[in-house]
Amino acid sequence: MGIYIVKSLHSDWIKIGHFKTTNNRPSVYCRYINRGFYSCICPIEIKNKVSFQDLELLFWFHNLDKSIESKLHRQLKLLYQSCGEWYKYDKINNILQFIYNDYHGILNMPTIHDYNHALKWSNKLQNIHKTYSLNSHPTILNTQITPTPFFHFSHHTTP
C-alpha cells in the first residue's frame, strides 16, 4: 500500500491517490498504466488527458495507507482548491510538509526495473484482452458492422 502524487504534463494539477501493490502488480505504475485516471473526477482542462503518457509520477510514499490518504484529503480540501483528488501544483510544498510531518511519509520512488515491469505487465494484459475478444467472438473479424440509428424518425404527418 502507498500514496502516490502524479502531475499532469498538460496543466498545473497534481493527483493524490493510493495503491496497494501485490505480487501481480508490484509497482505503483500498475495503478494507471492501462486505464489512467479516466474513472476519476478531474479538472475540465485535463479530462481527456489523464493517461499514463499524460502524467509524471512525482512521489511514492510506500508506508502510507488508505486511511492516511483519506485524512490527508480531508485536511487539504479545507485549505486548498481541489477537483476530486486533484490539487494545484503550487501547493506541493505544503502538501509534502503534511505528508512528512503529520503522517511520517517515507519516500520510495520506483526504479527503472519497476517501470519496465509495469510496461511488460500492461502489454501482457492487453494481449490477454485481445485474445479473449477474438476467441469469444470468432465471427467478429468476418462481420461488417453497420451503425443503427438509435431513434427512427417517421416522415408521416398526422391529419
Protein backbone atom coordinates (compact mmCIF):
# COMPACT_ATOMS: atom_id res chain seq x y z
CA MET A 1 0.00 0.00 0.00
CA GLY A 2 1.15 3.51 -0.59
CA ILE A 3 0.21 7.05 -1.53
CA TYR A 4 1.30 8.49 -4.87
CA ILE A 5 1.40 12.01 -6.23
CA VAL A 6 1.30 12.41 -10.01
CA LYS A 7 1.42 15.63 -12.00
CA SER A 8 -0.34 16.38 -15.24
CA LEU A 9 2.08 17.19 -18.05
CA HIS A 10 -0.59 19.46 -19.56
CA SER A 11 -1.51 21.66 -16.59
CA ASP A 12 -0.59 22.65 -13.06
CA TRP A 13 -2.72 19.96 -11.36
CA ILE A 14 -1.48 17.06 -9.22
CA LYS A 15 -3.41 13.99 -8.14
CA ILE A 16 -3.02 12.26 -4.80
CA GLY A 17 -4.20 8.69 -4.51
CA HIS A 18 -3.44 5.30 -3.02
CA PHE A 19 -2.47 1.96 -4.49
CA LYS A 20 -1.97 -1.46 -2.99
CA THR A 21 0.97 -3.26 -4.53
CA THR A 22 0.75 -7.04 -4.89
CA ASN A 23 2.91 -9.80 -6.37
CA ASN A 24 0.99 -9.40 -9.64
CA ARG A 25 1.05 -5.59 -9.53
CA PRO A 26 4.28 -4.77 -7.67
CA SER A 27 4.66 -1.18 -8.88
CA VAL A 28 2.63 1.98 -8.40
CA TYR A 29 2.80 2.40 -12.19
CA CYS A 30 0.37 -0.51 -12.46
CA ARG A 31 -2.31 1.75 -10.95
CA TYR A 32 -2.58 3.93 -14.03
CA ILE A 33 -0.56 2.41 -16.87
CA ASN A 34 -3.62 0.84 -18.54
CA ARG A 35 -6.61 2.95 -17.65
CA GLY A 36 -5.14 6.23 -16.47
CA PHE A 37 -7.48 8.21 -14.27
CA TYR A 38 -10.48 8.39 -16.59
CA SER A 39 -12.77 6.90 -13.93
CA CYS A 40 -11.87 9.72 -11.50
CA ILE A 41 -13.25 13.22 -11.18
CA CYS A 42 -10.68 15.54 -12.71
CA PRO A 43 -10.28 19.18 -13.76
CA ILE A 44 -12.07 20.03 -17.01
CA GLU A 45 -8.90 21.18 -18.79
CA ILE A 46 -7.34 17.72 -18.49
CA LYS A 47 -10.42 15.48 -18.55
CA ASN A 48 -9.25 13.79 -21.78
CA LYS A 49 -5.57 13.87 -20.83
CA VAL A 50 -5.16 11.56 -17.85
CA SER A 51 -3.49 8.54 -19.46
CA PHE A 52 -0.14 7.14 -18.39
CA GLN A 53 1.72 9.20 -21.01
CA ASP A 54 -0.02 12.39 -19.77
CA LEU A 55 1.29 12.07 -16.22
CA GLU A 56 4.52 12.14 -14.27
CA LEU A 57 4.97 10.28 -11.01
CA LEU A 58 6.42 12.79 -8.56
CA PHE A 59 6.27 10.93 -5.26
CA TRP A 60 5.53 7.43 -3.91
CA PHE A 61 5.20 7.01 -0.14
CA HIS A 62 5.09 3.24 0.26
CA ASN A 63 4.42 3.29 4.02
CA LEU A 64 1.15 5.25 3.93
CA ASP A 65 -2.23 3.55 3.62
CA LYS A 66 -5.79 4.35 2.53
CA SER A 67 -6.78 5.74 5.94
CA ILE A 68 -3.90 8.24 5.78
CA GLU A 69 -4.88 9.19 2.24
CA SER A 70 -8.45 9.89 3.42
CA LYS A 71 -7.21 12.04 6.33
CA LEU A 72 -4.87 13.93 4.01
CA HIS A 73 -7.66 14.66 1.51
CA ARG A 74 -9.97 15.93 4.28
CA GLN A 75 -7.18 18.17 5.53
CA LEU A 76 -6.27 19.50 2.08
CA LYS A 77 -9.86 20.14 0.95
CA LEU A 78 -10.32 22.51 3.90
CA LEU A 79 -7.29 24.52 2.83
CA TYR A 80 -6.90 24.39 -0.94
CA GLN A 81 -8.77 24.42 -4.22
CA SER A 82 -9.42 20.88 -5.39
CA CYS A 83 -11.26 18.90 -8.02
CA GLY A 84 -11.86 15.38 -6.77
CA GLU A 85 -8.40 14.17 -5.71
CA TRP A 86 -6.60 16.81 -7.80
CA TYR A 87 -4.92 19.90 -6.30
CA LYS A 88 -2.96 22.81 -7.72
CA TYR A 89 0.75 22.09 -8.11
CA ASP A 90 1.75 25.34 -6.40
CA LYS A 91 0.66 23.77 -3.07
CA ILE A 92 3.06 20.81 -3.40
CA ASN A 93 5.48 22.02 -0.71
CA ASN A 94 2.67 22.47 1.80
CA ILE A 95 1.25 19.05 0.90
CA LEU A 96 4.66 17.44 1.36
CA GLN A 97 5.03 19.09 4.77
CA PHE A 98 1.79 17.41 5.87
CA ILE A 99 2.90 14.07 4.48
CA TYR A 100 6.33 14.17 6.12
CA ASN A 101 5.50 15.93 9.38
CA ASP A 102 1.98 14.73 10.20
CA TYR A 103 1.99 11.26 8.62
CA HIS A 104 5.71 10.36 8.57
CA GLY A 105 5.75 9.52 4.90
CA ILE A 106 8.77 7.64 3.61
CA LEU A 107 9.65 8.42 0.01
CA ASN A 108 10.50 5.31 -2.01
CA MET A 109 10.49 6.05 -5.72
CA PRO A 110 10.12 3.11 -8.12
CA THR A 111 13.16 2.02 -10.10
CA ILE A 112 13.55 1.74 -13.86
CA HIS A 113 13.07 -2.01 -13.35
CA ASP A 114 9.66 -1.29 -11.76
CA TYR A 115 8.76 0.93 -14.71
CA ASN A 116 9.79 -1.69 -17.27
CA HIS A 117 7.97 -4.41 -15.35
CA ALA A 118 4.79 -2.32 -15.41
CA LEU A 119 5.14 -1.85 -19.18
CA LYS A 120 5.51 -5.61 -19.69
CA TRP A 121 2.57 -6.26 -17.36
CA SER A 122 0.44 -3.79 -19.32
CA ASN A 123 1.37 -5.31 -22.69
CA LYS A 124 0.64 -8.80 -21.41
CA LEU A 125 -2.73 -7.68 -20.06
CA GLN A 126 -3.62 -6.00 -23.36
CA ASN A 127 -2.68 -9.16 -25.29
CA ILE A 128 -4.87 -11.27 -22.98
CA HIS A 129 -7.82 -8.93 -23.63
CA LYS A 130 -7.26 -9.04 -27.40
CA THR A 131 -7.02 -12.84 -27.39
CA TYR A 132 -10.13 -13.15 -25.24
CA SER A 133 -12.11 -10.83 -27.50
CA LEU A 134 -11.15 -12.71 -30.66
CA ASN A 135 -11.71 -16.16 -29.12
CA SER A 136 -15.02 -15.17 -27.55
CA HIS A 137 -16.32 -13.65 -30.76
CA PRO A 138 -14.70 -15.54 -33.66
CA THR A 139 -17.06 -14.05 -36.23
CA ILE A 140 -16.12 -10.52 -35.31
CA LEU A 141 -13.31 -10.46 -37.89
CA ASN A 142 -15.65 -11.50 -40.71
CA THR A 143 -18.57 -9.29 -39.79
CA GLN A 144 -19.19 -5.84 -41.11
CA ILE A 145 -20.86 -3.67 -38.52
CA THR A 146 -23.41 -1.21 -39.78
CA PRO A 147 -24.36 1.59 -37.41
CA THR A 148 -28.01 1.56 -36.46
CA PRO A 149 -29.65 4.84 -35.54
CA PHE A 150 -30.95 4.95 -32.01
CA PHE A 151 -34.10 6.85 -32.99
CA HIS A 152 -36.20 6.25 -36.06
CA PHE A 153 -37.89 9.38 -37.33
CA SER A 154 -41.04 8.99 -39.33
CA HIS A 155 -41.81 11.43 -42.14
CA HIS A 156 -45.54 10.85 -41.91
CA THR A 157 -47.68 13.76 -40.94
CA THR A 158 -50.86 13.45 -38.98
CA PRO A 159 -54.02 14.95 -40.46
